[in-house]
Amino acid sequence: PGASVRPGDFQTTQIVVNDKMYLSTPYNRVVALDPATGAEHWVYDPETVEWGQPPNGTGFVHRGIAMWSGADERRVFLNSRWRLIAIDAATGEPIERFGDAGEVDMTEHLQWATNRLHFTQTSPPVVWEDLVIVGNGLWDGFVYERDPPGHILAFDVRTGALRWRFDLIPGDGEFGNETWEEGSWDRVGHTNAWAPLSVDVARGLVFAPVGTPSNDYYGGDRLGDNLFAESLVVLDARTGERVWHFQAVHHGLWDWDLPAQPTLFPLTVDGRSIDAVGCSTKMGVRVVFDRETGEPA
């Protein structure tokens, strides 16, 4: 890497399948190792550093990859800056029939035209059935009209075709649009899910912790409650439709986004068993809900 590029913390979560361990590095390489010895099976380098430092304020970081297993193959999915890349888990080579020669440009599926160099990823995708589902890691420092928007995007694991998109700033006619007053929904960016997503595989529910709009510390240009900023948003994995949400902060002004992956766990309350979801906040409070209904647990 050039002198202008620096790594951040090494934060990856490994995946182990049979005799291979898969992980990503801060510079967005994917490595397959022998988990017993640490010997390399293969390394895939997306050569992301050639575009310079990512705009996330923390240096190059990447928290992991996702894996899909089909009848006769496994695919590793790497979301590196604006690219979603499908890699053959056996060889470490890009899968040519996915997207364009193995990758999808996620900025082609956003709410408005976006400078690719201003779009980035820090947390891994999640896989549910034949979908790979992605948030994004937009830097809070950008403040200009129609800066990069926050979405949840779902792509076909085989072809790379977009299957659905959920707008974390609701567009015209969408639920919550009225909480962005004076048309601010059409000019304000961010409001992105930068922390890892979680999936209830059996129910087909995606749990997304959502960050702040721009500007983090000034709300005069985005009056209203600003859904779905600083919220836990629960989506139907099949369609991308909202199931329920909880907004922790209305019209946030203090960068109090939800900074951690939601936790799915069983809970007993007054003798009643609940399949719960818990989410940490920057306010030192942990909120817990029935994961199906959204009722506080």
Protein backbone atom coordinates (compact mmCIF):
# COMPACT_ATOMS: atom_id res chain seq x y z
CA PRO A 1 0.00 0.00 0.00
CA GLY A 2 1.04 3.55 -0.66
CA ALA A 3 2.08 5.98 2.05
CA SER A 4 -1.33 7.68 1.92
CA VAL A 5 -3.09 4.46 2.96
CA ARG A 6 -3.13 3.16 6.53
CA PRO A 7 -4.85 0.23 8.24
CA GLY A 8 -7.22 0.56 11.15
CA ASP A 9 -7.93 -2.04 13.81
CA PHE A 10 -7.99 -5.75 12.95
CA GLN A 11 -11.60 -6.62 13.84
CA THR A 12 -12.52 -9.62 11.71
CA THR A 13 -14.78 -12.52 12.71
CA GLN A 14 -13.65 -15.79 11.13
CA ILE A 15 -15.80 -18.43 9.44
CA VAL A 16 -14.69 -22.07 9.76
CA VAL A 17 -16.11 -24.73 7.43
CA ASN A 18 -14.63 -28.23 7.53
CA ASP A 19 -10.87 -27.87 7.01
CA LYS A 20 -10.75 -24.14 6.12
CA MET A 21 -10.92 -20.89 8.03
CA TYR A 22 -11.98 -17.79 6.06
CA LEU A 23 -11.41 -14.19 7.13
CA SER A 24 -10.87 -10.70 5.79
CA THR A 25 -8.01 -8.33 6.60
CA PRO A 26 -8.08 -4.55 7.19
CA TYR A 27 -6.93 -4.04 3.60
CA ASN A 28 -9.95 -6.07 2.43
CA ARG A 29 -8.03 -9.16 1.34
CA VAL A 30 -9.76 -12.52 1.92
CA VAL A 31 -7.61 -15.35 3.27
CA ALA A 32 -8.39 -19.07 3.53
CA LEU A 33 -6.27 -20.84 6.16
CA ASP A 34 -5.80 -24.26 7.64
CA PRO A 35 -7.30 -23.69 11.13
CA ALA A 36 -4.96 -26.23 12.72
CA THR A 37 -1.67 -24.89 11.37
CA GLY A 38 -2.35 -21.40 9.97
CA ALA A 39 -1.04 -22.43 6.54
CA GLU A 40 -2.57 -20.50 3.63
CA HIS A 41 -4.84 -22.28 1.18
CA TRP A 42 -5.37 -19.15 -0.92
CA VAL A 43 -5.49 -15.35 -0.76
CA TYR A 44 -7.79 -13.06 -2.74
CA ASP A 45 -6.78 -9.39 -3.05
CA PRO A 46 -9.42 -6.99 -4.43
CA GLU A 47 -6.67 -4.34 -4.83
CA THR A 48 -8.88 -1.85 -3.03
CA VAL A 49 -5.94 0.26 -1.83
CA GLU A 50 -5.29 1.64 -5.31
CA TRP A 51 -8.18 4.09 -4.75
CA GLY A 52 -6.54 5.52 -1.63
CA GLN A 53 -7.76 5.81 1.91
CA PRO A 54 -11.42 4.86 2.46
CA PRO A 55 -13.62 7.67 3.77
CA ASN A 56 -14.57 6.15 7.13
CA GLY A 57 -12.39 8.12 9.54
CA THR A 58 -10.68 5.01 10.97
CA GLY A 59 -8.33 3.76 8.27
CA PHE A 60 -8.82 0.51 6.37
CA VAL A 61 -10.98 -1.85 8.42
CA HIS A 62 -13.12 -4.85 7.53
CA ARG A 63 -15.00 -7.04 9.99
CA GLY A 64 -15.49 -10.23 8.01
CA ILE A 65 -17.01 -12.01 5.05
CA ALA A 66 -20.17 -14.04 4.45
CA MET A 67 -20.57 -17.52 2.95
CA TRP A 68 -23.28 -19.22 0.92
CA SER A 69 -23.37 -22.99 0.40
CA GLY A 70 -25.16 -24.45 -2.63
CA ALA A 71 -25.65 -28.02 -3.75
CA ASP A 72 -22.18 -28.32 -5.27
CA GLU A 73 -20.31 -25.12 -4.43
CA ARG A 74 -19.58 -22.54 -1.76
CA ARG A 75 -19.23 -18.83 -2.36
CA VAL A 76 -17.49 -16.28 -0.17
CA PHE A 77 -18.93 -12.76 -0.36
CA LEU A 78 -16.68 -9.75 0.20
CA ASN A 79 -18.15 -6.25 0.33
CA SER A 80 -15.18 -3.97 -0.37
CA ARG A 81 -15.96 -0.26 -0.65
CA TRP A 82 -18.55 -0.01 -3.48
CA ARG A 83 -18.00 -3.60 -4.73
CA LEU A 84 -19.77 -6.81 -3.76
CA ILE A 85 -17.52 -9.66 -4.89
CA ALA A 86 -18.33 -13.39 -5.13
CA ILE A 87 -15.32 -15.69 -4.61
CA ASP A 88 -15.10 -19.44 -5.14
CA ALA A 89 -14.47 -20.84 -1.65
CA ALA A 90 -12.43 -23.73 -3.07
CA THR A 91 -10.04 -21.74 -5.25
CA GLY A 92 -10.14 -18.10 -4.15
CA GLU A 93 -10.98 -16.98 -7.69
CA PRO A 94 -13.83 -14.53 -8.52
CA ILE A 95 -16.95 -16.24 -9.90
CA GLU A 96 -17.26 -14.82 -13.40
CA ARG A 97 -21.00 -15.45 -13.76
CA PHE A 98 -21.81 -13.29 -10.71
CA GLY A 99 -22.50 -9.67 -11.71
CA ASP A 100 -19.84 -8.26 -14.01
CA ALA A 101 -16.90 -10.72 -13.97
CA GLY A 102 -17.49 -11.57 -10.33
CA GLU A 103 -18.57 -8.28 -8.81
CA VAL A 104 -21.46 -5.83 -8.47
CA ASP A 105 -21.10 -2.05 -8.24
CA MET A 106 -23.49 -1.26 -5.37
CA THR A 107 -23.57 2.47 -6.18
CA GLU A 108 -25.55 1.63 -9.32
CA HIS A 109 -28.50 0.71 -7.08
CA LEU A 110 -28.66 3.76 -4.81
CA GLN A 111 -31.35 6.39 -4.42
CA TRP A 112 -29.32 8.96 -6.34
CA ALA A 113 -26.02 9.21 -8.19
CA THR A 114 -23.12 8.87 -5.76
CA ASN A 115 -19.37 9.39 -5.93
CA ARG A 116 -18.02 5.83 -5.60
CA LEU A 117 -14.98 7.08 -3.68
CA HIS A 118 -17.37 8.36 -0.98
CA PHE A 119 -19.09 4.97 -0.56
CA THR A 120 -17.54 2.29 1.63
CA GLN A 121 -18.11 -0.91 3.62
CA THR A 122 -16.81 -1.94 7.03
CA SER A 123 -19.07 -4.80 8.22
CA PRO A 124 -19.76 -8.09 6.43
CA PRO A 125 -22.93 -8.94 4.51
CA VAL A 126 -25.35 -11.60 5.73
CA VAL A 127 -26.73 -14.52 3.73
CA TRP A 128 -30.29 -15.79 3.89
CA GLU A 129 -31.31 -18.61 1.52
CA ASP A 130 -30.35 -17.34 -1.96
CA LEU A 131 -29.84 -13.69 -0.97
CA VAL A 132 -26.75 -11.77 0.16
CA ILE A 133 -27.82 -8.69 2.10
CA VAL A 134 -25.61 -5.63 2.61
CA GLY A 135 -25.59 -2.36 4.56
CA ASN A 136 -22.77 0.20 4.19
CA GLY A 137 -20.17 2.08 6.22
CA LEU A 138 -20.54 5.69 5.11
CA TRP A 139 -18.30 8.28 6.73
CA ASP A 140 -20.11 10.82 8.93
CA GLY A 141 -17.81 13.62 7.80
CA PHE A 142 -19.44 14.22 4.41
CA VAL A 143 -21.97 17.05 4.52
CA TYR A 144 -23.27 18.13 1.13
CA GLU A 145 -26.59 17.92 -0.66
CA ARG A 146 -27.35 14.34 -1.74
CA ASP A 147 -24.30 12.88 -0.08
CA PRO A 148 -24.21 9.05 -0.09
CA PRO A 149 -27.55 7.60 1.11
CA GLY A 150 -28.13 4.64 3.40
CA HIS A 151 -29.88 1.55 2.04
CA ILE A 152 -30.18 -2.14 2.76
CA LEU A 153 -29.54 -3.99 -0.52
CA ALA A 154 -30.27 -7.66 -1.27
CA PHE A 155 -28.68 -9.43 -4.24
CA ASP A 156 -29.16 -12.86 -5.79
CA VAL A 157 -26.24 -15.03 -4.60
CA ARG A 158 -25.94 -16.73 -8.01
CA THR A 159 -26.34 -13.86 -10.48
CA GLY A 160 -25.73 -10.64 -8.53
CA ALA A 161 -29.09 -9.22 -9.65
CA LEU A 162 -30.69 -6.78 -7.20
CA ARG A 163 -33.67 -8.49 -5.55
CA TRP A 164 -34.80 -5.70 -3.23
CA ARG A 165 -33.78 -2.39 -1.68
CA PHE A 166 -34.96 -0.79 1.55
CA ASP A 167 -34.50 2.98 1.80
CA LEU A 168 -33.43 3.96 5.32
CA ILE A 169 -34.46 7.50 4.39
CA PRO A 170 -38.02 6.84 3.12
CA GLY A 171 -38.78 8.20 -0.33
CA ASP A 172 -41.92 9.95 -1.53
CA GLY A 173 -44.98 7.88 -0.54
CA GLU A 174 -42.99 5.45 1.63
CA PHE A 175 -43.71 4.82 5.32
CA GLY A 176 -41.99 7.45 7.44
CA ASN A 177 -41.42 9.95 4.63
CA GLU A 178 -43.36 12.65 6.51
CA THR A 179 -40.78 12.54 9.32
CA TRP A 180 -38.34 14.33 7.00
CA GLU A 181 -39.89 17.77 6.78
CA GLU A 182 -39.62 20.34 3.98
CA GLY A 183 -38.45 17.73 1.47
CA SER A 184 -35.26 16.97 3.40
CA TRP A 185 -35.64 13.27 2.52
CA ASP A 186 -34.62 14.19 -1.04
CA ARG A 187 -31.33 15.88 -0.14
CA VAL A 188 -29.99 14.38 3.13
CA GLY A 189 -27.70 11.34 3.09
CA HIS A 190 -26.22 8.71 5.41
CA THR A 191 -28.73 7.08 7.82
CA ASN A 192 -26.90 3.84 7.08
CA ALA A 193 -26.52 0.43 8.74
CA TRP A 194 -22.74 0.37 9.26
CA ALA A 195 -22.63 -2.16 12.11
CA PRO A 196 -23.21 -5.86 11.30
CA LEU A 197 -26.72 -7.06 10.47
CA SER A 198 -28.32 -10.12 12.08
CA VAL A 199 -30.71 -12.68 10.58
CA ASP A 200 -33.31 -14.94 12.18
CA VAL A 201 -32.84 -17.73 9.64
CA ALA A 202 -35.99 -19.67 10.57
CA ARG A 203 -38.30 -16.65 10.44
CA GLY A 204 -36.59 -14.86 7.56
CA LEU A 205 -36.11 -11.61 9.50
CA VAL A 206 -33.24 -9.16 9.03
CA PHE A 207 -32.29 -6.93 11.97
CA ALA A 208 -30.48 -3.71 11.01
CA PRO A 209 -28.97 -1.22 13.51
CA VAL A 210 -29.07 2.20 11.85
CA GLY A 211 -26.79 5.22 12.15
CA THR A 212 -27.21 8.97 11.92
CA PRO A 213 -28.18 11.30 9.08
CA SER A 214 -25.90 14.08 7.91
CA ASN A 215 -25.11 16.35 9.63
CA ASP A 216 -24.70 14.32 12.83
CA TYR A 217 -24.73 17.37 15.06
CA TYR A 218 -27.02 19.81 13.24
CA GLY A 219 -30.65 19.11 12.38
CA GLY A 220 -31.82 22.44 11.02
CA ASP A 221 -31.81 21.13 7.46
CA ARG A 222 -33.76 17.93 8.32
CA LEU A 223 -36.58 18.85 10.69
CA GLY A 224 -38.75 16.03 12.02
CA ASP A 225 -38.16 12.65 13.68
CA ASN A 226 -36.03 11.42 10.75
CA LEU A 227 -37.04 7.76 10.45
CA PHE A 228 -35.20 5.36 10.23
CA ALA A 229 -32.17 7.09 11.69
CA GLU A 230 -30.86 5.75 15.01
CA SER A 231 -33.34 2.87 14.88
CA LEU A 232 -33.50 -0.89 14.97
CA VAL A 233 -35.20 -1.80 11.69
CA VAL A 234 -36.60 -5.29 11.11
CA LEU A 235 -37.20 -6.40 7.51
CA ASP A 236 -38.75 -9.41 5.79
CA ALA A 237 -35.72 -11.09 4.22
CA ARG A 238 -37.86 -12.33 1.32
CA THR A 239 -39.12 -8.94 0.17
CA GLY A 240 -37.27 -6.20 2.05
CA GLU A 241 -40.53 -4.92 3.51
CA ARG A 242 -40.54 -3.37 6.98
CA VAL A 243 -41.92 -5.67 9.69
CA TRP A 244 -41.39 -3.32 12.64
CA HIS A 245 -38.94 -0.72 13.92
CA PHE A 246 -37.87 1.01 17.11
CA GLN A 247 -36.35 4.48 16.94
CA ALA A 248 -34.02 4.99 19.90
CA VAL A 249 -33.49 8.71 19.25
CA HIS A 250 -35.93 11.03 17.45
CA HIS A 251 -34.23 13.74 15.38
CA GLY A 252 -30.77 12.80 16.58
CA LEU A 253 -28.16 15.50 17.18
CA TRP A 254 -25.48 13.65 19.17
CA ASP A 255 -24.32 10.78 16.91
CA TRP A 256 -26.19 8.28 19.11
CA ASP A 257 -26.51 5.63 16.43
CA LEU A 258 -26.92 1.92 17.21
CA PRO A 259 -23.28 0.79 17.05
CA ALA A 260 -23.42 -2.99 17.45
CA GLN A 261 -24.84 -6.11 15.84
CA PRO A 262 -28.29 -7.03 17.24
CA THR A 263 -28.21 -10.17 19.41
CA LEU A 264 -30.81 -12.94 19.02
CA PHE A 265 -31.40 -15.02 22.15
CA PRO A 266 -34.09 -16.88 24.11
CA LEU A 267 -35.52 -15.04 27.12
CA THR A 268 -37.91 -16.00 29.92
CA VAL A 269 -40.05 -13.22 31.42
CA ASP A 270 -42.54 -14.03 34.18
CA GLY A 271 -42.48 -17.68 33.15
CA ARG A 272 -43.11 -16.86 29.48
CA SER A 273 -40.56 -17.85 26.83
CA ILE A 274 -39.71 -15.16 24.27
CA ASP A 275 -37.48 -15.32 21.20
CA ALA A 276 -35.85 -11.95 21.80
CA VAL A 277 -33.60 -9.46 20.03
CA GLY A 278 -31.38 -7.09 21.98
CA CYS A 279 -29.60 -4.00 20.72
CA SER A 280 -26.96 -1.88 22.44
CA THR A 281 -27.00 1.92 22.28
CA LYS A 282 -24.43 4.65 22.84
CA MET A 283 -26.55 5.87 25.76
CA GLY A 284 -25.54 2.94 27.98
CA VAL A 285 -28.97 1.35 27.55
CA ARG A 286 -29.72 -2.05 26.03
CA VAL A 287 -33.16 -2.39 24.45
CA VAL A 288 -34.79 -5.83 24.18
CA PHE A 289 -37.85 -6.84 22.15
CA ASP A 290 -39.90 -9.82 21.06
CA ARG A 291 -38.24 -10.34 17.70
CA GLU A 292 -41.49 -11.19 15.88
CA THR A 293 -43.78 -8.47 17.19
CA GLY A 294 -41.46 -5.70 18.32
CA GLU A 295 -43.09 -5.62 21.75
CA PRO A 296 -40.67 -4.64 24.55
CA ALA A 297 -39.54 -7.78 26.37
